[in-house]
Amino acid sequence: MSISHLLVRLLLVPLGGVVAGCAATLVAFLANWKVFLSVIGGDAMTSGDVVPVLVGLAMLLVGSAATFAMLLPATIGITISEALAVRSLVFHVLNGVVSIWVGRASMVDPGRPFEFHGQPPAVLAAGLAAGLIYWLIAGRSAGLVPDAPRVVPPGVPNPRRVNDESVAQSVGRGSRP
């Protein structure tokens, strides 16, 4: 374990969490696009008014706070994956889905900012997106232990060596068949 690898992990894990939360917010808003337009006034979007656009951006900000609160249980799974070097896509996607579901279920009275997380398919899609994005950024290289080199057992031909020898033989023979 090197200090540089530790510093990279200390940067990648929070970055992956923030980008995953933003992706989950975006998916939740896109899944409920009609609700979003009805709240900010869909007709005002086409007329060019600035106020509905600013209201929409404010709603995204408040909605992202709600999404981040619902994704908070994912820190348990992230800690487990970093401690045990779990790099599975399935683990991280299920971590996102389960954590957002548990976070949503644990809220007593969600209120207005959470109305974009009212439908279960939208919540599950947001958790799935969060898990996938986190895996792409930080989950593929989870843990402080780097990947071990793969050892080819004796008696099994090394595909890299076989290809190199066949290329060398074909080059040595020239272009004749």
Foldseek 3Di string as FASTA:
>chain_A
DDPVLVVVLVVQQVVLQVVLLLQLLVLLCVVVVVVLCVVLPVVVVVVPDPVSVVVSVVLSVLLSVLSSQQLVQLVVLLVVCQAVVDQDLVSLLVSLQVSSVVSVVPDDDPPDSCPSVPDSVSSNVSSNSSSNSSSVRNRNGHYSDGDDDDDDDPPDDDVVVVVVVVVVVDVVVPPDD
